[in-house]
Amino acid sequence: MTDQTTDIRLSEQIGQLEAQLNDVLTLLETLSSENAVLKARENQLLHERSELNHRNDKVRSQVESMIQRLKTMDTQG
């Protein structure tokens, strides 16, 4: 092999590696963006779940209070 052939092969390999690196970087950017979106969605869902748990506790308390009042009315009547 001549030096020129070796240089050409090395240049081709470097070009291929650059292309692969660019592909990896593009994929990294895409995955990072998707990850940020998923984390934001997770936080939103956690907040919604917390609100729903709070509402459920409030409603549960109200229902238990009504049941207690009904029992009291029943024993008085």
PDB file of N, CA and C in Angstrom:
ATOM      1  N   MET A   1       0.828  -1.178   0.000  1.00  0.00           N
ATOM      2  CA  MET A   1       0.000   0.000   0.000  1.00  0.00           C
ATOM      3  C   MET A   1       0.874   1.244   0.000  1.00  0.00           C
ATOM      4  N   THR A   2       0.420   2.220  -0.726  1.00  0.00           N
ATOM      5  CA  THR A   2       1.183   3.468  -0.762  1.00  0.00           C
ATOM      6  C   THR A   2       0.702   4.396   0.341  1.00  0.00           C
ATOM      7  N   ASP A   3       1.516   5.383   0.593  1.00  0.00           N
ATOM      8  CA  ASP A   3       1.141   6.364   1.604  1.00  0.00           C
ATOM      9  C   ASP A   3      -0.147   7.089   1.217  1.00  0.00           C
ATOM     10  N   GLN A   4      -0.319   7.303  -0.056  1.00  0.00           N
ATOM     11  CA  GLN A   4      -1.515   8.011  -0.537  1.00  0.00           C
ATOM     12  C   GLN A   4      -2.763   7.159  -0.286  1.00  0.00           C
ATOM     13  N   THR A   5      -2.675   5.853  -0.546  1.00  0.00           N
ATOM     14  CA  THR A   5      -3.796   4.948  -0.315  1.00  0.00           C
ATOM     15  C   THR A   5      -4.129   4.896   1.177  1.00  0.00           C
ATOM     16  N   THR A   6      -3.104   4.839   1.999  1.00  0.00           N
ATOM     17  CA  THR A   6      -3.303   4.817   3.443  1.00  0.00           C
ATOM     18  C   THR A   6      -3.974   6.110   3.910  1.00  0.00           C
ATOM     19  N   ASP A   7      -3.516   7.231   3.382  1.00  0.00           N
ATOM     20  CA  ASP A   7      -4.114   8.519   3.735  1.00  0.00           C
ATOM     21  C   ASP A   7      -5.583   8.578   3.328  1.00  0.00           C
ATOM     22  N   ILE A   8      -5.876   8.042   2.141  1.00  0.00           N
ATOM     23  CA  ILE A   8      -7.261   8.047   1.664  1.00  0.00           C
ATOM     24  C   ILE A   8      -8.131   7.181   2.571  1.00  0.00           C
ATOM     25  N   ARG A   9      -7.643   6.012   2.917  1.00  0.00           N
ATOM     26  CA  ARG A   9      -8.392   5.113   3.806  1.00  0.00           C
ATOM     27  C   ARG A   9      -8.610   5.759   5.176  1.00  0.00           C
ATOM     28  N   LEU A  10      -7.577   6.362   5.704  1.00  0.00           N
ATOM     29  CA  LEU A  10      -7.700   7.029   7.002  1.00  0.00           C
ATOM     30  C   LEU A  10      -8.705   8.175   6.928  1.00  0.00           C
ATOM     31  N   SER A  11      -8.677   8.912   5.842  1.00  0.00           N
ATOM     32  CA  SER A  11      -9.624  10.010   5.667  1.00  0.00           C
ATOM     33  C   SER A  11     -11.055   9.489   5.590  1.00  0.00           C
ATOM     34  N   GLU A  12     -11.231   8.381   4.890  1.00  0.00           N
ATOM     35  CA  GLU A  12     -12.558   7.770   4.789  1.00  0.00           C
ATOM     36  C   GLU A  12     -13.034   7.289   6.157  1.00  0.00           C
ATOM     37  N   GLN A  13     -12.138   6.649   6.894  1.00  0.00           N
ATOM     38  CA  GLN A  13     -12.499   6.150   8.220  1.00  0.00           C
ATOM     39  C   GLN A  13     -12.823   7.307   9.169  1.00  0.00           C
ATOM     40  N   ILE A  14     -12.040   8.363   9.078  1.00  0.00           N
ATOM     41  CA  ILE A  14     -12.305   9.541   9.912  1.00  0.00           C
ATOM     42  C   ILE A  14     -13.659  10.149   9.544  1.00  0.00           C
ATOM     43  N   GLY A  15     -13.938  10.202   8.257  1.00  0.00           N
ATOM     44  CA  GLY A  15     -15.239  10.705   7.793  1.00  0.00           C
ATOM     45  C   GLY A  15     -16.380   9.865   8.315  1.00  0.00           C
ATOM     46  N   GLN A  16     -16.216   8.531   8.277  1.00  0.00           N
ATOM     47  CA  GLN A  16     -17.249   7.632   8.794  1.00  0.00           C
ATOM     48  C   GLN A  16     -17.431   7.824  10.301  1.00  0.00           C
ATOM     49  N   LEU A  17     -16.318   7.944  11.017  1.00  0.00           N
ATOM     50  CA  LEU A  17     -16.397   8.164  12.454  1.00  0.00           C
ATOM     51  C   LEU A  17     -17.078   9.495  12.780  1.00  0.00           C
ATOM     52  N   GLU A  18     -16.776  10.531  12.006  1.00  0.00           N
ATOM     53  CA  GLU A  18     -17.429  11.826  12.204  1.00  0.00           C
ATOM     54  C   GLU A  18     -18.936  11.717  11.978  1.00  0.00           C
ATOM     55  N   ALA A  19     -19.305  10.996  10.940  1.00  0.00           N
ATOM     56  CA  ALA A  19     -20.730  10.816  10.652  1.00  0.00           C
ATOM     57  C   ALA A  19     -21.413  10.048  11.783  1.00  0.00           C
ATOM     58  N   GLN A  20     -20.756   8.991  12.256  1.00  0.00           N
ATOM     59  CA  GLN A  20     -21.321   8.224  13.363  1.00  0.00           C
ATOM     60  C   GLN A  20     -21.420   9.076  14.625  1.00  0.00           C
ATOM     61  N   LEU A  21     -20.400   9.877  14.875  1.00  0.00           N
ATOM     62  CA  LEU A  21     -20.410  10.755  16.041  1.00  0.00           C
ATOM     63  C   LEU A  21     -21.538  11.773  15.933  1.00  0.00           C
ATOM     64  N   ASN A  22     -21.735  12.320  14.752  1.00  0.00           N
ATOM     65  CA  ASN A  22     -22.842  13.252  14.543  1.00  0.00           C
ATOM     66  C   ASN A  22     -24.186  12.575  14.783  1.00  0.00           C
ATOM     67  N   ASP A  23     -24.311  11.336  14.325  1.00  0.00           N
ATOM     68  CA  ASP A  23     -25.542  10.577  14.567  1.00  0.00           C
ATOM     69  C   ASP A  23     -25.766  10.380  16.064  1.00  0.00           C
ATOM     70  N   VAL A  24     -24.708  10.034  16.774  1.00  0.00           N
ATOM     71  CA  VAL A  24     -24.808   9.816  18.222  1.00  0.00           C
ATOM     72  C   VAL A  24     -25.188  11.123  18.922  1.00  0.00           C
ATOM     73  N   LEU A  25     -24.582  12.226  18.519  1.00  0.00           N
ATOM     74  CA  LEU A  25     -24.891  13.521  19.119  1.00  0.00           C
ATOM     75  C   LEU A  25     -26.340  13.929  18.845  1.00  0.00           C
ATOM     76  N   THR A  26     -26.807  13.678  17.650  1.00  0.00           N
ATOM     77  CA  THR A  26     -28.208  13.972  17.311  1.00  0.00           C
ATOM     78  C   THR A  26     -29.145  13.136  18.166  1.00  0.00           C
ATOM     79  N   LEU A  27     -28.815  11.855  18.306  1.00  0.00           N
ATOM     80  CA  LEU A  27     -29.626  10.974  19.138  1.00  0.00           C
ATOM     81  C   LEU A  27     -29.605  11.434  20.595  1.00  0.00           C
ATOM     82  N   LEU A  28     -28.449  11.843  21.066  1.00  0.00           N
ATOM     83  CA  LEU A  28     -28.323  12.341  22.433  1.00  0.00           C
ATOM     84  C   LEU A  28     -29.208  13.566  22.645  1.00  0.00           C
ATOM     85  N   GLU A  29     -29.201  14.485  21.715  1.00  0.00           N
ATOM     86  CA  GLU A  29     -30.039  15.674  21.823  1.00  0.00           C
ATOM     87  C   GLU A  29     -31.520  15.295  21.842  1.00  0.00           C
ATOM     88  N   THR A  30     -31.899  14.367  20.975  1.00  0.00           N
ATOM     89  CA  THR A  30     -33.289  13.923  20.917  1.00  0.00           C
ATOM     90  C   THR A  30     -33.700  13.271  22.228  1.00  0.00           C
ATOM     91  N   LEU A  31     -32.850  12.365  22.722  1.00  0.00           N
ATOM     92  CA  LEU A  31     -33.175  11.673  23.966  1.00  0.00           C
ATOM     93  C   LEU A  31     -33.202  12.624  25.158  1.00  0.00           C
ATOM     94  N   SER A  32     -32.302  13.581  25.173  1.00  0.00           N
ATOM     95  CA  SER A  32     -32.295  14.568  26.256  1.00  0.00           C
ATOM     96  C   SER A  32     -33.574  15.391  26.238  1.00  0.00           C
ATOM     97  N   SER A  33     -33.996  15.772  25.062  1.00  0.00           N
ATOM     98  CA  SER A  33     -35.232  16.541  24.928  1.00  0.00           C
ATOM     99  C   SER A  33     -36.436  15.711  25.374  1.00  0.00           C
ATOM    100  N   GLU A  34     -36.502  14.475  24.916  1.00  0.00           N
ATOM    101  CA  GLU A  34     -37.601  13.589  25.312  1.00  0.00           C
ATOM    102  C   GLU A  34     -37.587  13.356  26.822  1.00  0.00           C
ATOM    103  N   ASN A  35     -36.408  13.207  27.382  1.00  0.00           N
ATOM    104  CA  ASN A  35     -36.283  12.981  28.814  1.00  0.00           C
ATOM    105  C   ASN A  35     -36.806  14.186  29.604  1.00  0.00           C
ATOM    106  N   ALA A  36     -36.495  15.383  29.137  1.00  0.00           N
ATOM    107  CA  ALA A  36     -36.979  16.590  29.807  1.00  0.00           C
ATOM    108  C   ALA A  36     -38.508  16.656  29.754  1.00  0.00           C
ATOM    109  N   VAL A  37     -39.073  16.311  28.618  1.00  0.00           N
ATOM    110  CA  VAL A  37     -40.527  16.306  28.479  1.00  0.00           C
ATOM    111  C   VAL A  37     -41.141  15.269  29.416  1.00  0.00           C
ATOM    112  N   LEU A  38     -40.544  14.100  29.473  1.00  0.00           N
ATOM    113  CA  LEU A  38     -41.070  13.042  30.344  1.00  0.00           C
ATOM    114  C   LEU A  38     -40.969  13.424  31.817  1.00  0.00           C
ATOM    115  N   LYS A  39     -39.880  14.059  32.203  1.00  0.00           N
ATOM    116  CA  LYS A  39     -39.734  14.496  33.598  1.00  0.00           C
ATOM    117  C   LYS A  39     -40.777  15.547  33.949  1.00  0.00           C
ATOM    118  N   ALA A  40     -41.025  16.471  33.034  1.00  0.00           N
ATOM    119  CA  ALA A  40     -42.051  17.494  33.275  1.00  0.00           C
ATOM    120  C   ALA A  40     -43.421  16.845  33.412  1.00  0.00           C
ATOM    121  N   ARG A  41     -43.708  15.880  32.559  1.00  0.00           N
ATOM    122  CA  ARG A  41     -44.994  15.163  32.618  1.00  0.00           C
ATOM    123  C   ARG A  41     -45.108  14.386  33.924  1.00  0.00           C
ATOM    124  N   GLU A  42     -44.013  13.764  34.343  1.00  0.00           N
ATOM    125  CA  GLU A  42     -44.024  13.020  35.601  1.00  0.00           C
ATOM    126  C   GLU A  42     -44.336  13.960  36.762  1.00  0.00           C
ATOM    127  N   ASN A  43     -43.695  15.118  36.785  1.00  0.00           N
ATOM    128  CA  ASN A  43     -43.958  16.087  37.845  1.00  0.00           C
ATOM    129  C   ASN A  43     -45.407  16.547  37.830  1.00  0.00           C
ATOM    130  N   GLN A  44     -45.936  16.768  36.647  1.00  0.00           N
ATOM    131  CA  GLN A  44     -47.335  17.177  36.520  1.00  0.00           C
ATOM    132  C   GLN A  44     -48.258  16.077  37.067  1.00  0.00           C
ATOM    133  N   LEU A  45     -47.989  14.836  36.704  1.00  0.00           N
ATOM    134  CA  LEU A  45     -48.822  13.723  37.165  1.00  0.00           C
ATOM    135  C   LEU A  45     -48.716  13.529  38.674  1.00  0.00           C
ATOM    136  N   LEU A  46     -47.515  13.708  39.225  1.00  0.00           N
ATOM    137  CA  LEU A  46     -47.349  13.599  40.673  1.00  0.00           C
ATOM    138  C   LEU A  46     -48.151  14.682  41.389  1.00  0.00           C
ATOM    139  N   HIS A  47     -48.135  15.881  40.833  1.00  0.00           N
ATOM    140  CA  HIS A  47     -48.906  16.973  41.415  1.00  0.00           C
ATOM    141  C   HIS A  47     -50.403  16.669  41.342  1.00  0.00           C
ATOM    142  N   GLU A  48     -50.867  16.192  40.196  1.00  0.00           N
ATOM    143  CA  GLU A  48     -52.280  15.837  40.037  1.00  0.00           C
ATOM    144  C   GLU A  48     -52.676  14.741  41.015  1.00  0.00           C
ATOM    145  N   ARG A  49     -51.813  13.749  41.184  1.00  0.00           N
ATOM    146  CA  ARG A  49     -52.098  12.662  42.111  1.00  0.00           C
ATOM    147  C   ARG A  49     -52.208  13.185  43.537  1.00  0.00           C
ATOM    148  N   SER A  50     -51.327  14.086  43.882  1.00  0.00           N
ATOM    149  CA  SER A  50     -51.364  14.681  45.212  1.00  0.00           C
ATOM    150  C   SER A  50     -52.677  15.427  45.429  1.00  0.00           C
ATOM    151  N   GLU A  51     -53.089  16.195  44.441  1.00  0.00           N
ATOM    152  CA  GLU A  51     -54.359  16.915  44.539  1.00  0.00           C
ATOM    153  C   GLU A  51     -55.533  15.955  44.672  1.00  0.00           C
ATOM    154  N   LEU A  52     -55.519  14.881  43.889  1.00  0.00           N
ATOM    155  CA  LEU A  52     -56.606  13.903  43.956  1.00  0.00           C
ATOM    156  C   LEU A  52     -56.637  13.211  45.316  1.00  0.00           C
ATOM    157  N   ASN A  53     -55.478  12.886  45.855  1.00  0.00           N
ATOM    158  CA  ASN A  53     -55.431  12.275  47.184  1.00  0.00           C
ATOM    159  C   ASN A  53     -56.000  13.225  48.228  1.00  0.00           C
ATOM    160  N   HIS A  54     -55.663  14.502  48.104  1.00  0.00           N
ATOM    161  CA  HIS A  54     -56.179  15.505  49.036  1.00  0.00           C
ATOM    162  C   HIS A  54     -57.704  15.585  48.925  1.00  0.00           C
ATOM    163  N   ARG A  55     -58.226  15.629  47.699  1.00  0.00           N
ATOM    164  CA  ARG A  55     -59.679  15.675  47.495  1.00  0.00           C
ATOM    165  C   ARG A  55     -60.345  14.425  48.059  1.00  0.00           C
ATOM    166  N   ASN A  56     -59.739  13.259  47.801  1.00  0.00           N
ATOM    167  CA  ASN A  56     -60.313  12.015  48.313  1.00  0.00           C
ATOM    168  C   ASN A  56     -60.368  12.019  49.838  1.00  0.00           C
ATOM    169  N   ASP A  57     -59.309  12.498  50.470  1.00  0.00           N
ATOM    170  CA  ASP A  57     -59.294  12.574  51.931  1.00  0.00           C
ATOM    171  C   ASP A  57     -60.385  13.507  52.435  1.00  0.00           C
ATOM    172  N   LYS A  58     -60.553  14.629  51.763  1.00  0.00           N
ATOM    173  CA  LYS A  58     -61.583  15.588  52.160  1.00  0.00           C
ATOM    174  C   LYS A  58     -62.976  14.981  52.022  1.00  0.00           C
ATOM    175  N   VAL A  59     -63.240  14.334  50.899  1.00  0.00           N
ATOM    176  CA  VAL A  59     -64.541  13.710  50.671  1.00  0.00           C
ATOM    177  C   VAL A  59     -64.762  12.567  51.664  1.00  0.00           C
ATOM    178  N   ARG A  60     -63.737  11.787  51.915  1.00  0.00           N
ATOM    179  CA  ARG A  60     -63.843  10.692  52.872  1.00  0.00           C
ATOM    180  C   ARG A  60     -64.234  11.230  54.254  1.00  0.00           C
ATOM    181  N   SER A  61     -63.591  12.308  54.636  1.00  0.00           N
ATOM    182  CA  SER A  61     -63.889  12.932  55.923  1.00  0.00           C
ATOM    183  C   SER A  61     -65.331  13.425  55.970  1.00  0.00           C
ATOM    184  N   GLN A  62     -65.787  14.037  54.885  1.00  0.00           N
ATOM    185  CA  GLN A  62     -67.170  14.530  54.831  1.00  0.00           C
ATOM    186  C   GLN A  62     -68.167  13.377  54.914  1.00  0.00           C
ATOM    187  N   VAL A  63     -67.891  12.300  54.208  1.00  0.00           N
ATOM    188  CA  VAL A  63     -68.792  11.141  54.227  1.00  0.00           C
ATOM    189  C   VAL A  63     -68.817  10.521  55.627  1.00  0.00           C
ATOM    190  N   GLU A  64     -67.647  10.381  56.254  1.00  0.00           N
ATOM    191  CA  GLU A  64     -67.601   9.829  57.602  1.00  0.00           C
ATOM    192  C   GLU A  64     -68.369  10.720  58.575  1.00  0.00           C
ATOM    193  N   SER A  65     -68.270  12.019  58.387  1.00  0.00           N
ATOM    194  CA  SER A  65     -69.003  12.958  59.236  1.00  0.00           C
ATOM    195  C   SER A  65     -70.507  12.794  59.043  1.00  0.00           C
ATOM    196  N   MET A  66     -70.949  12.652  57.791  1.00  0.00           N
ATOM    197  CA  MET A  66     -72.378  12.455  57.523  1.00  0.00           C
ATOM    198  C   MET A  66     -72.869  11.142  58.129  1.00  0.00           C
ATOM    199  N   ILE A  67     -72.079  10.111  57.994  1.00  0.00           N
ATOM    200  CA  ILE A  67     -72.457   8.820  58.566  1.00  0.00           C
ATOM    201  C   ILE A  67     -72.594   8.941  60.076  1.00  0.00           C
ATOM    202  N   GLN A  68     -71.667   9.633  60.690  1.00  0.00           N
ATOM    203  CA  GLN A  68     -71.716   9.806  62.133  1.00  0.00           C
ATOM    204  C   GLN A  68     -72.971  10.594  62.545  1.00  0.00           C
ATOM    205  N   ARG A  69     -73.306  11.637  61.781  1.00  0.00           N
ATOM    206  CA  ARG A  69     -74.518  12.408  62.084  1.00  0.00           C
ATOM    207  C   ARG A  69     -75.767  11.557  61.908  1.00  0.00           C
ATOM    208  N   LEU A  70     -75.785  10.710  60.872  1.00  0.00           N
ATOM    209  CA  LEU A  70     -76.933   9.829  60.659  1.00  0.00           C
ATOM    210  C   LEU A  70     -77.058   8.832  61.809  1.00  0.00           C
ATOM    211  N   LYS A  71     -75.955   8.292  62.260  1.00  0.00           N
ATOM    212  CA  LYS A  71     -75.995   7.368  63.386  1.00  0.00           C
ATOM    213  C   LYS A  71     -76.517   8.071  64.639  1.00  0.00           C
ATOM    214  N   THR A  72     -76.079   9.308  64.836  1.00  0.00           N
ATOM    215  CA  THR A  72     -76.523  10.086  65.985  1.00  0.00           C
ATOM    216  C   THR A  72     -78.021  10.362  65.885  1.00  0.00           C
ATOM    217  N   MET A  73     -78.495  10.720  64.691  1.00  0.00           N
ATOM    218  CA  MET A  73     -79.915  10.966  64.495  1.00  0.00           C
ATOM    219  C   MET A  73     -80.706   9.694  64.728  1.00  0.00           C
ATOM    220  N   ASP A  74     -80.178   8.572  64.292  1.00  0.00           N
ATOM    221  CA  ASP A  74     -80.861   7.294  64.434  1.00  0.00           C
ATOM    222  C   ASP A  74     -81.005   6.911  65.905  1.00  0.00           C
ATOM    223  N   THR A  75     -79.964   7.137  66.694  1.00  0.00           N
ATOM    224  CA  THR A  75     -80.024   6.770  68.115  1.00  0.00           C
ATOM    225  C   THR A  75     -80.888   7.751  68.900  1.00  0.00           C
ATOM    226  N   GLN A  76     -81.036   8.959  68.418  1.00  0.00           N
ATOM    227  CA  GLN A  76     -81.863   9.953  69.106  1.00  0.00           C
ATOM    228  C   GLN A  76     -83.337   9.786  68.743  1.00  0.00           C
ATOM    229  N   GLY A  77     -83.585   9.277  67.564  1.00  0.00           N
ATOM    230  CA  GLY A  77     -84.964   9.206  67.054  1.00  0.00           C
ATOM    231  C   GLY A  77     -85.635   7.984  67.424  1.00  0.00           C
TER     232      GLY A  77
END
